Amino acid sequence: MQFSFIVGAGEKHQVDFSFDQFIGNLEIKVDGQPVVKDFRMLSLFLTKRYEFTVGAQEQHRIAIEKKRKLFLAGFRPQKYRIFVDGQLVQTYEGS
């Protein structure tokens, strides 16, 4: 699953999310620079939350939640929710 979104009004930043659900590699980049790298193969939890801040003068708190299914998660679509400053701004679903 891959998606991108822009954060900020005066100071814009591009956030790129990439997760290969079969291999387990997850990476989040801001303006092309990695801010989160994770390996998600086995997990006891259904929801994983990634949080980080973007911007210098105009700062925004970003949270991306990845929710998997209970059974056969590697073969089923997962849900992704994007929060900017605590507000839900976008949802995605896919594999």
PDB file of N, CA and C in Angstrom:
ATOM      1  N   MET A   1       0.849  -1.173   0.000  1.00  0.00           N
ATOM      2  CA  MET A   1       0.000   0.000   0.000  1.00  0.00           C
ATOM      3  C   MET A   1       0.888   1.227   0.000  1.00  0.00           C
ATOM      4  N   GLN A   2       0.561   2.161  -0.866  1.00  0.00           N
ATOM      5  CA  GLN A   2       1.293   3.420  -0.930  1.00  0.00           C
ATOM      6  C   GLN A   2       0.303   4.559  -1.067  1.00  0.00           C
ATOM      7  N   PHE A   3       0.588   5.655  -0.355  1.00  0.00           N
ATOM      8  CA  PHE A   3      -0.179   6.873  -0.531  1.00  0.00           C
ATOM      9  C   PHE A   3       0.660   8.058  -0.089  1.00  0.00           C
ATOM     10  N   SER A   4       0.277   9.225  -0.544  1.00  0.00           N
ATOM     11  CA  SER A   4       0.961  10.479  -0.212  1.00  0.00           C
ATOM     12  C   SER A   4      -0.075  11.535   0.100  1.00  0.00           C
ATOM     13  N   PHE A   5       0.331  12.508   0.907  1.00  0.00           N
ATOM     14  CA  PHE A   5      -0.530  13.646   1.180  1.00  0.00           C
ATOM     15  C   PHE A   5       0.324  14.853   1.550  1.00  0.00           C
ATOM     16  N   ILE A   6      -0.257  16.033   1.399  1.00  0.00           N
ATOM     17  CA  ILE A   6       0.421  17.297   1.680  1.00  0.00           C
ATOM     18  C   ILE A   6      -0.099  17.830   3.011  1.00  0.00           C
ATOM     19  N   VAL A   7       0.826  18.346   3.826  1.00  0.00           N
ATOM     20  CA  VAL A   7       0.483  18.931   5.121  1.00  0.00           C
ATOM     21  C   VAL A   7       0.994  20.361   5.156  1.00  0.00           C
ATOM     22  N   GLY A   8       0.160  21.265   5.660  1.00  0.00           N
ATOM     23  CA  GLY A   8       0.573  22.653   5.857  1.00  0.00           C
ATOM     24  C   GLY A   8      -0.095  23.597   4.888  1.00  0.00           C
ATOM     25  N   ALA A   9      -0.162  24.854   5.308  1.00  0.00           N
ATOM     26  CA  ALA A   9      -0.744  25.904   4.465  1.00  0.00           C
ATOM     27  C   ALA A   9       0.375  26.758   3.869  1.00  0.00           C
ATOM     28  N   GLY A  10       1.112  27.454   4.721  1.00  0.00           N
ATOM     29  CA  GLY A  10       2.217  28.289   4.244  1.00  0.00           C
ATOM     30  C   GLY A  10       3.489  27.488   4.039  1.00  0.00           C
ATOM     31  N   GLU A  11       3.719  26.534   4.916  1.00  0.00           N
ATOM     32  CA  GLU A  11       4.903  25.673   4.870  1.00  0.00           C
ATOM     33  C   GLU A  11       4.419  24.262   4.529  1.00  0.00           C
ATOM     34  N   LYS A  12       4.487  23.901   3.257  1.00  0.00           N
ATOM     35  CA  LYS A  12       3.945  22.615   2.790  1.00  0.00           C
ATOM     36  C   LYS A  12       4.999  21.519   2.849  1.00  0.00           C
ATOM     37  N   HIS A  13       4.530  20.334   3.243  1.00  0.00           N
ATOM     38  CA  HIS A  13       5.396  19.156   3.307  1.00  0.00           C
ATOM     39  C   HIS A  13       4.648  17.971   2.725  1.00  0.00           C
ATOM     40  N   GLN A  14       5.361  17.153   1.966  1.00  0.00           N
ATOM     41  CA  GLN A  14       4.773  15.942   1.401  1.00  0.00           C
ATOM     42  C   GLN A  14       5.137  14.758   2.271  1.00  0.00           C
ATOM     43  N   VAL A  15       4.117  14.002   2.679  1.00  0.00           N
ATOM     44  CA  VAL A  15       4.301  12.790   3.477  1.00  0.00           C
ATOM     45  C   VAL A  15       3.997  11.602   2.568  1.00  0.00           C
ATOM     46  N   ASP A  16       4.955  10.671   2.468  1.00  0.00           N
ATOM     47  CA  ASP A  16       4.810   9.468   1.653  1.00  0.00           C
ATOM     48  C   ASP A  16       4.808   8.251   2.577  1.00  0.00           C
ATOM     49  N   PHE A  17       3.797   7.404   2.415  1.00  0.00           N
ATOM     50  CA  PHE A  17       3.660   6.192   3.211  1.00  0.00           C
ATOM     51  C   PHE A  17       3.784   4.996   2.286  1.00  0.00           C
ATOM     52  N   SER A  18       4.548   3.994   2.704  1.00  0.00           N
ATOM     53  CA  SER A  18       4.722   2.787   1.905  1.00  0.00           C
ATOM     54  C   SER A  18       4.781   1.581   2.835  1.00  0.00           C
ATOM     55  N   PHE A  19       3.948   0.580   2.555  1.00  0.00           N
ATOM     56  CA  PHE A  19       3.943  -0.642   3.350  1.00  0.00           C
ATOM     57  C   PHE A  19       3.735  -1.833   2.440  1.00  0.00           C
ATOM     58  N   ASP A  20       4.685  -2.751   2.457  1.00  0.00           N
ATOM     59  CA  ASP A  20       4.571  -4.006   1.717  1.00  0.00           C
ATOM     60  C   ASP A  20       4.065  -5.057   2.695  1.00  0.00           C
ATOM     61  N   GLN A  21       2.813  -5.377   2.607  1.00  0.00           N
ATOM     62  CA  GLN A  21       2.171  -6.224   3.593  1.00  0.00           C
ATOM     63  C   GLN A  21       2.656  -7.677   3.534  1.00  0.00           C
ATOM     64  N   PHE A  22       3.205  -8.122   2.429  1.00  0.00           N
ATOM     65  CA  PHE A  22       3.699  -9.495   2.332  1.00  0.00           C
ATOM     66  C   PHE A  22       5.105  -9.638   2.897  1.00  0.00           C
ATOM     67  N   ILE A  23       5.944  -8.636   2.680  1.00  0.00           N
ATOM     68  CA  ILE A  23       7.317  -8.663   3.192  1.00  0.00           C
ATOM     69  C   ILE A  23       7.385  -8.073   4.590  1.00  0.00           C
ATOM     70  N   GLY A  24       6.577  -7.030   4.855  1.00  0.00           N
ATOM     71  CA  GLY A  24       6.526  -6.421   6.175  1.00  0.00           C
ATOM     72  C   GLY A  24       7.270  -5.114   6.312  1.00  0.00           C
ATOM     73  N   ASN A  25       7.859  -4.606   5.229  1.00  0.00           N
ATOM     74  CA  ASN A  25       8.598  -3.346   5.299  1.00  0.00           C
ATOM     75  C   ASN A  25       7.639  -2.161   5.278  1.00  0.00           C
ATOM     76  N   LEU A  26       7.835  -1.239   6.225  1.00  0.00           N
ATOM     77  CA  LEU A  26       7.031  -0.026   6.292  1.00  0.00           C
ATOM     78  C   LEU A  26       7.976   1.164   6.366  1.00  0.00           C
ATOM     79  N   GLU A  27       7.669   2.203   5.575  1.00  0.00           N
ATOM     80  CA  GLU A  27       8.486   3.410   5.598  1.00  0.00           C
ATOM     81  C   GLU A  27       7.593   4.631   5.414  1.00  0.00           C
ATOM     82  N   ILE A  28       7.878   5.656   6.209  1.00  0.00           N
ATOM     83  CA  ILE A  28       7.198   6.939   6.078  1.00  0.00           C
ATOM     84  C   ILE A  28       8.277   7.991   5.840  1.00  0.00           C
ATOM     85  N   LYS A  29       8.086   8.788   4.790  1.00  0.00           N
ATOM     86  CA  LYS A  29       9.033   9.842   4.447  1.00  0.00           C
ATOM     87  C   LYS A  29       8.331  11.192   4.486  1.00  0.00           C
ATOM     88  N   VAL A  30       9.074  12.217   4.878  1.00  0.00           N
ATOM     89  CA  VAL A  30       8.606  13.594   4.795  1.00  0.00           C
ATOM     90  C   VAL A  30       9.583  14.340   3.898  1.00  0.00           C
ATOM     91  N   ASP A  31       9.059  14.888   2.816  1.00  0.00           N
ATOM     92  CA  ASP A  31       9.887  15.588   1.821  1.00  0.00           C
ATOM     93  C   ASP A  31      11.057  14.728   1.350  1.00  0.00           C
ATOM     94  N   GLY A  32      10.799  13.429   1.181  1.00  0.00           N
ATOM     95  CA  GLY A  32      11.802  12.509   0.662  1.00  0.00           C
ATOM     96  C   GLY A  32      12.758  11.953   1.701  1.00  0.00           C
ATOM     97  N   GLN A  33      12.681  12.417   2.943  1.00  0.00           N
ATOM     98  CA  GLN A  33      13.577  11.953   3.997  1.00  0.00           C
ATOM     99  C   GLN A  33      12.844  10.986   4.926  1.00  0.00           C
ATOM    100  N   PRO A  34      13.411   9.804   5.179  1.00  0.00           N
ATOM    101  CA  PRO A  34      12.745   8.835   6.059  1.00  0.00           C
ATOM    102  C   PRO A  34      12.598   9.367   7.487  1.00  0.00           C
ATOM    103  N   VAL A  35      11.397   9.234   8.047  1.00  0.00           N
ATOM    104  CA  VAL A  35      11.164   9.602   9.446  1.00  0.00           C
ATOM    105  C   VAL A  35      10.746   8.375  10.264  1.00  0.00           C
ATOM    106  N   VAL A  36      10.206   7.358   9.609  1.00  0.00           N
ATOM    107  CA  VAL A  36       9.819   6.116  10.286  1.00  0.00           C
ATOM    108  C   VAL A  36      10.178   4.947   9.380  1.00  0.00           C
ATOM    109  N   LYS A  37      10.875   3.961   9.951  1.00  0.00           N
ATOM    110  CA  LYS A  37      11.119   2.691   9.284  1.00  0.00           C
ATOM    111  C   LYS A  37      10.736   1.607  10.273  1.00  0.00           C
ATOM    112  N   ASP A  38       9.999   0.617   9.795  1.00  0.00           N
ATOM    113  CA  ASP A  38       9.525  -0.439  10.676  1.00  0.00           C
ATOM    114  C   ASP A  38       9.433  -1.735   9.879  1.00  0.00           C
ATOM    115  N   PHE A  39       9.501  -2.821  10.591  1.00  0.00           N
ATOM    116  CA  PHE A  39       9.329  -4.139   9.994  1.00  0.00           C
ATOM    117  C   PHE A  39       8.162  -4.789  10.714  1.00  0.00           C
ATOM    118  N   ARG A  40       7.066  -5.031  10.019  1.00  0.00           N
ATOM    119  CA  ARG A  40       5.828  -5.539  10.612  1.00  0.00           C
ATOM    120  C   ARG A  40       5.514  -6.925  10.052  1.00  0.00           C
ATOM    121  N   MET A  41       6.037  -7.957  10.673  1.00  0.00           N
ATOM    122  CA  MET A  41       5.726  -9.299  10.211  1.00  0.00           C
ATOM    123  C   MET A  41       4.709  -9.966  11.151  1.00  0.00           C
ATOM    124  N   LEU A  42       4.996  -9.958  12.419  1.00  0.00           N
ATOM    125  CA  LEU A  42       4.079 -10.539  13.400  1.00  0.00           C
ATOM    126  C   LEU A  42       3.793  -9.493  14.479  1.00  0.00           C
ATOM    127  N   SER A  43       2.547  -9.417  14.878  1.00  0.00           N
ATOM    128  CA  SER A  43       2.173  -8.450  15.895  1.00  0.00           C
ATOM    129  C   SER A  43       1.024  -9.008  16.726  1.00  0.00           C
ATOM    130  N   LEU A  44       1.038  -8.692  18.000  1.00  0.00           N
ATOM    131  CA  LEU A  44      -0.050  -9.099  18.884  1.00  0.00           C
ATOM    132  C   LEU A  44      -1.214  -8.124  18.823  1.00  0.00           C
ATOM    133  N   PHE A  45      -0.944  -6.920  18.318  1.00  0.00           N
ATOM    134  CA  PHE A  45      -1.954  -5.868  18.294  1.00  0.00           C
ATOM    135  C   PHE A  45      -2.542  -5.706  16.894  1.00  0.00           C
ATOM    136  N   LEU A  46      -3.807  -5.370  16.840  1.00  0.00           N
ATOM    137  CA  LEU A  46      -4.475  -5.174  15.553  1.00  0.00           C
ATOM    138  C   LEU A  46      -4.219  -3.786  14.984  1.00  0.00           C
ATOM    139  N   THR A  47      -3.926  -2.811  15.838  1.00  0.00           N
ATOM    140  CA  THR A  47      -3.709  -1.433  15.393  1.00  0.00           C
ATOM    141  C   THR A  47      -2.313  -0.979  15.792  1.00  0.00           C
ATOM    142  N   LYS A  48      -1.616  -0.375  14.852  1.00  0.00           N
ATOM    143  CA  LYS A  48      -0.304   0.216  15.101  1.00  0.00           C
ATOM    144  C   LYS A  48      -0.390   1.684  14.723  1.00  0.00           C
ATOM    145  N   ARG A  49       0.110   2.570  15.594  1.00  0.00           N
ATOM    146  CA  ARG A  49       0.040   4.017  15.377  1.00  0.00           C
ATOM    147  C   ARG A  49       1.454   4.571  15.245  1.00  0.00           C
ATOM    148  N   TYR A  50       1.667   5.358  14.202  1.00  0.00           N
ATOM    149  CA  TYR A  50       2.945   6.024  13.956  1.00  0.00           C
ATOM    150  C   TYR A  50       2.715   7.519  14.099  1.00  0.00           C
ATOM    151  N   GLU A  51       3.512   8.189  14.946  1.00  0.00           N
ATOM    152  CA  GLU A  51       3.348   9.617  15.193  1.00  0.00           C
ATOM    153  C   GLU A  51       4.663  10.349  14.966  1.00  0.00           C
ATOM    154  N   PHE A  52       4.567  11.528  14.367  1.00  0.00           N
ATOM    155  CA  PHE A  52       5.737  12.366  14.130  1.00  0.00           C
ATOM    156  C   PHE A  52       5.270  13.794  13.868  1.00  0.00           C
ATOM    157  N   THR A  53       6.214  14.722  13.894  1.00  0.00           N
ATOM    158  CA  THR A  53       5.925  16.137  13.670  1.00  0.00           C
ATOM    159  C   THR A  53       6.588  16.580  12.379  1.00  0.00           C
ATOM    160  N   VAL A  54       5.889  17.409  11.604  1.00  0.00           N
ATOM    161  CA  VAL A  54       6.466  17.988  10.394  1.00  0.00           C
ATOM    162  C   VAL A  54       6.452  19.505  10.535  1.00  0.00           C
ATOM    163  N   GLY A  55       7.415  20.159   9.862  1.00  0.00           N
ATOM    164  CA  GLY A  55       7.453  21.612   9.832  1.00  0.00           C
ATOM    165  C   GLY A  55       8.408  22.203  10.848  1.00  0.00           C
ATOM    166  N   ALA A  56       8.840  23.414  10.545  1.00  0.00           N
ATOM    167  CA  ALA A  56       9.719  24.161  11.444  1.00  0.00           C
ATOM    168  C   ALA A  56       8.947  25.338  12.044  1.00  0.00           C
ATOM    169  N   GLN A  57       8.539  26.272  11.193  1.00  0.00           N
ATOM    170  CA  GLN A  57       7.771  27.432  11.654  1.00  0.00           C
ATOM    171  C   GLN A  57       6.303  27.073  11.841  1.00  0.00           C
ATOM    172  N   GLU A  58       5.786  26.258  10.949  1.00  0.00           N
ATOM    173  CA  GLU A  58       4.385  25.820  10.987  1.00  0.00           C
ATOM    174  C   GLU A  58       4.379  24.323  11.282  1.00  0.00           C
ATOM    175  N   GLN A  59       4.357  23.964  12.547  1.00  0.00           N
ATOM    176  CA  GLN A  59       4.454  22.563  12.929  1.00  0.00           C
ATOM    177  C   GLN A  59       3.080  21.903  12.979  1.00  0.00           C
ATOM    178  N   HIS A  60       3.056  20.647  12.535  1.00  0.00           N
ATOM    179  CA  HIS A  60       1.844  19.838  12.576  1.00  0.00           C
ATOM    180  C   HIS A  60       2.194  18.463  13.122  1.00  0.00           C
ATOM    181  N   ARG A  61       1.334  17.959  13.992  1.00  0.00           N
ATOM    182  CA  ARG A  61       1.495  16.620  14.559  1.00  0.00           C
ATOM    183  C   ARG A  61       0.733  15.644  13.669  1.00  0.00           C
ATOM    184  N   ILE A  62       1.453  14.663  13.112  1.00  0.00           N
ATOM    185  CA  ILE A  62       0.876  13.683  12.198  1.00  0.00           C
ATOM    186  C   ILE A  62       0.798  12.331  12.908  1.00  0.00           C
ATOM    187  N   ALA A  63      -0.315  11.634  12.715  1.00  0.00           N
ATOM    188  CA  ALA A  63      -0.453  10.266  13.207  1.00  0.00           C
ATOM    189  C   ALA A  63      -1.070   9.434  12.093  1.00  0.00           C
ATOM    190  N   ILE A  64      -0.482   8.286  11.843  1.00  0.00           N
ATOM    191  CA  ILE A  64      -1.017   7.345  10.863  1.00  0.00           C
ATOM    192  C   ILE A  64      -1.290   6.042  11.603  1.00  0.00           C
ATOM    193  N   GLU A  65      -2.542   5.616  11.568  1.00  0.00           N
ATOM    194  CA  GLU A  65      -2.932   4.353  12.187  1.00  0.00           C
ATOM    195  C   GLU A  65      -3.128   3.297  11.117  1.00  0.00           C
ATOM    196  N   LYS A  66      -2.518   2.142  11.356  1.00  0.00           N
ATOM    197  CA  LYS A  66      -2.654   1.006  10.446  1.00  0.00           C
ATOM    198  C   LYS A  66      -3.387  -0.089  11.205  1.00  0.00           C
ATOM    199  N   LYS A  67      -4.544  -0.486  10.700  1.00  0.00           N
ATOM    200  CA  LYS A  67      -5.337  -1.513  11.376  1.00  0.00           C
ATOM    201  C   LYS A  67      -5.451  -2.737  10.476  1.00  0.00           C
ATOM    202  N   ARG A  68      -5.078  -3.876  11.041  1.00  0.00           N
ATOM    203  CA  ARG A  68      -5.128  -5.118  10.279  1.00  0.00           C
ATOM    204  C   ARG A  68      -6.295  -5.980  10.748  1.00  0.00           C
ATOM    205  N   LYS A  69      -6.618  -6.961   9.937  1.00  0.00           N
ATOM    206  CA  LYS A  69      -7.647  -7.934  10.289  1.00  0.00           C
ATOM    207  C   LYS A  69      -7.058  -8.947  11.267  1.00  0.00           C
ATOM    208  N   LEU A  70      -7.915  -9.651  11.956  1.00  0.00           N
ATOM    209  CA  LEU A  70      -7.465 -10.622  12.943  1.00  0.00           C
ATOM    210  C   LEU A  70      -6.867 -11.862  12.288  1.00  0.00           C
ATOM    211  N   PHE A  71      -7.511 -12.385  11.246  1.00  0.00           N
ATOM    212  CA  PHE A  71      -7.053 -13.609  10.609  1.00  0.00           C
ATOM    213  C   PHE A  71      -6.593 -13.342   9.181  1.00  0.00           C
ATOM    214  N   LEU A  72      -5.512 -13.996   8.783  1.00  0.00           N
ATOM    215  CA  LEU A  72      -4.955 -13.889   7.430  1.00  0.00           C
ATOM    216  C   LEU A  72      -4.726 -12.436   7.020  1.00  0.00           C
ATOM    217  N   ALA A  73      -4.150 -11.655   7.906  1.00  0.00           N
ATOM    218  CA  ALA A  73      -3.968 -10.218   7.670  1.00  0.00           C
ATOM    219  C   ALA A  73      -3.118  -9.934   6.438  1.00  0.00           C
ATOM    220  N   GLY A  74      -2.155 -10.786   6.138  1.00  0.00           N
ATOM    221  CA  GLY A  74      -1.295 -10.570   4.980  1.00  0.00           C
ATOM    222  C   GLY A  74      -2.002 -10.700   3.649  1.00  0.00           C
ATOM    223  N   PHE A  75      -3.182 -11.283   3.662  1.00  0.00           N
ATOM    224  CA  PHE A  75      -3.921 -11.501   2.414  1.00  0.00           C
ATOM    225  C   PHE A  75      -5.184 -10.659   2.321  1.00  0.00           C
ATOM    226  N   ARG A  76      -5.423  -9.808   3.300  1.00  0.00           N
ATOM    227  CA  ARG A  76      -6.658  -9.019   3.328  1.00  0.00           C
ATOM    228  C   ARG A  76      -6.331  -7.530   3.380  1.00  0.00           C
ATOM    229  N   PRO A  77      -7.219  -6.697   2.835  1.00  0.00           N
ATOM    230  CA  PRO A  77      -6.998  -5.249   2.876  1.00  0.00           C
ATOM    231  C   PRO A  77      -6.910  -4.743   4.315  1.00  0.00           C
ATOM    232  N   GLN A  78      -6.051  -3.734   4.506  1.00  0.00           N
ATOM    233  CA  GLN A  78      -5.904  -3.115   5.807  1.00  0.00           C
ATOM    234  C   GLN A  78      -6.415  -1.685   5.731  1.00  0.00           C
ATOM    235  N   LYS A  79      -6.776  -1.128   6.883  1.00  0.00           N
ATOM    236  CA  LYS A  79      -7.292   0.236   6.936  1.00  0.00           C
ATOM    237  C   LYS A  79      -6.228   1.167   7.489  1.00  0.00           C
ATOM    238  N   TYR A  80      -6.158   2.349   6.899  1.00  0.00           N
ATOM    239  CA  TYR A  80      -5.198   3.362   7.302  1.00  0.00           C
ATOM    240  C   TYR A  80      -5.951   4.658   7.566  1.00  0.00           C
ATOM    241  N   ARG A  81      -5.676   5.278   8.713  1.00  0.00           N
ATOM    242  CA  ARG A  81      -6.318   6.546   9.046  1.00  0.00           C
ATOM    243  C   ARG A  81      -5.235   7.584   9.299  1.00  0.00           C
ATOM    244  N   ILE A  82      -5.398   8.776   8.695  1.00  0.00           N
ATOM    245  CA  ILE A  82      -4.422   9.854   8.816  1.00  0.00           C
ATOM    246  C   ILE A  82      -5.024  10.973   9.647  1.00  0.00           C
ATOM    247  N   PHE A  83      -4.291  11.352  10.693  1.00  0.00           N
ATOM    248  CA  PHE A  83      -4.697  12.438  11.573  1.00  0.00           C
ATOM    249  C   PHE A  83      -3.673  13.562  11.472  1.00  0.00           C
ATOM    250  N   VAL A  84      -4.150  14.789  11.353  1.00  0.00           N
ATOM    251  CA  VAL A  84      -3.294  15.977  11.382  1.00  0.00           C
ATOM    252  C   VAL A  84      -3.780  16.821  12.549  1.00  0.00           C
ATOM    253  N   ASP A  85      -2.891  17.065  13.496  1.00  0.00           N
ATOM    254  CA  ASP A  85      -3.218  17.831  14.705  1.00  0.00           C
ATOM    255  C   ASP A  85      -4.450  17.270  15.408  1.00  0.00           C
ATOM    256  N   GLY A  86      -4.550  15.955  15.462  1.00  0.00           N
ATOM    257  CA  GLY A  86      -5.625  15.290  16.175  1.00  0.00           C
ATOM    258  C   GLY A  86      -6.931  15.138  15.414  1.00  0.00           C
ATOM    259  N   GLN A  87      -7.000  15.674  14.198  1.00  0.00           N
ATOM    260  CA  GLN A  87      -8.223  15.595  13.395  1.00  0.00           C
ATOM    261  C   GLN A  87      -8.059  14.563  12.289  1.00  0.00           C
ATOM    262  N   LEU A  88      -9.035  13.681  12.148  1.00  0.00           N
ATOM    263  CA  LEU A  88      -9.025  12.703  11.064  1.00  0.00           C
ATOM    264  C   LEU A  88      -9.219  13.442   9.741  1.00  0.00           C
ATOM    265  N   VAL A  89      -8.262  13.289   8.816  1.00  0.00           N
ATOM    266  CA  VAL A  89      -8.332  14.008   7.540  1.00  0.00           C
ATOM    267  C   VAL A  89      -8.491  13.084   6.342  1.00  0.00           C
ATOM    268  N   GLN A  90      -8.108  11.800   6.492  1.00  0.00           N
ATOM    269  CA  GLN A  90      -8.168  10.900   5.339  1.00  0.00           C
ATOM    270  C   GLN A  90      -8.164   9.455   5.809  1.00  0.00           C
ATOM    271  N   THR A  91      -8.829   8.601   5.049  1.00  0.00           N
ATOM    272  CA  THR A  91      -8.761   7.170   5.303  1.00  0.00           C
ATOM    273  C   THR A  91      -8.445   6.459   3.987  1.00  0.00           C
ATOM    274  N   TYR A  92      -7.741   5.349   4.091  1.00  0.00           N
ATOM    275  CA  TYR A  92      -7.421   4.514   2.940  1.00  0.00           C
ATOM    276  C   TYR A  92      -7.681   3.082   3.328  1.00  0.00           C
ATOM    277  N   GLU A  93      -7.945   2.243   2.332  1.00  0.00           N
ATOM    278  CA  GLU A  93      -8.058   0.815   2.562  1.00  0.00           C
ATOM    279  C   GLU A  93      -7.444   0.117   1.361  1.00  0.00           C
ATOM    280  N   GLY A  94      -6.606  -0.849   1.648  1.00  0.00           N
ATOM    281  CA  GLY A  94      -5.976  -1.596   0.570  1.00  0.00           C
ATOM    282  C   GLY A  94      -4.900  -2.512   1.090  1.00  0.00           C
ATOM    283  N   SER A  95      -4.269  -3.195   0.139  1.00  0.00           N
ATOM    284  CA  SER A  95      -3.209  -4.126   0.519  1.00  0.00           C
ATOM    285  C   SER A  95      -1.913  -3.745  -0.147  1.00  0.00           C
TER     286      SER A  95
END
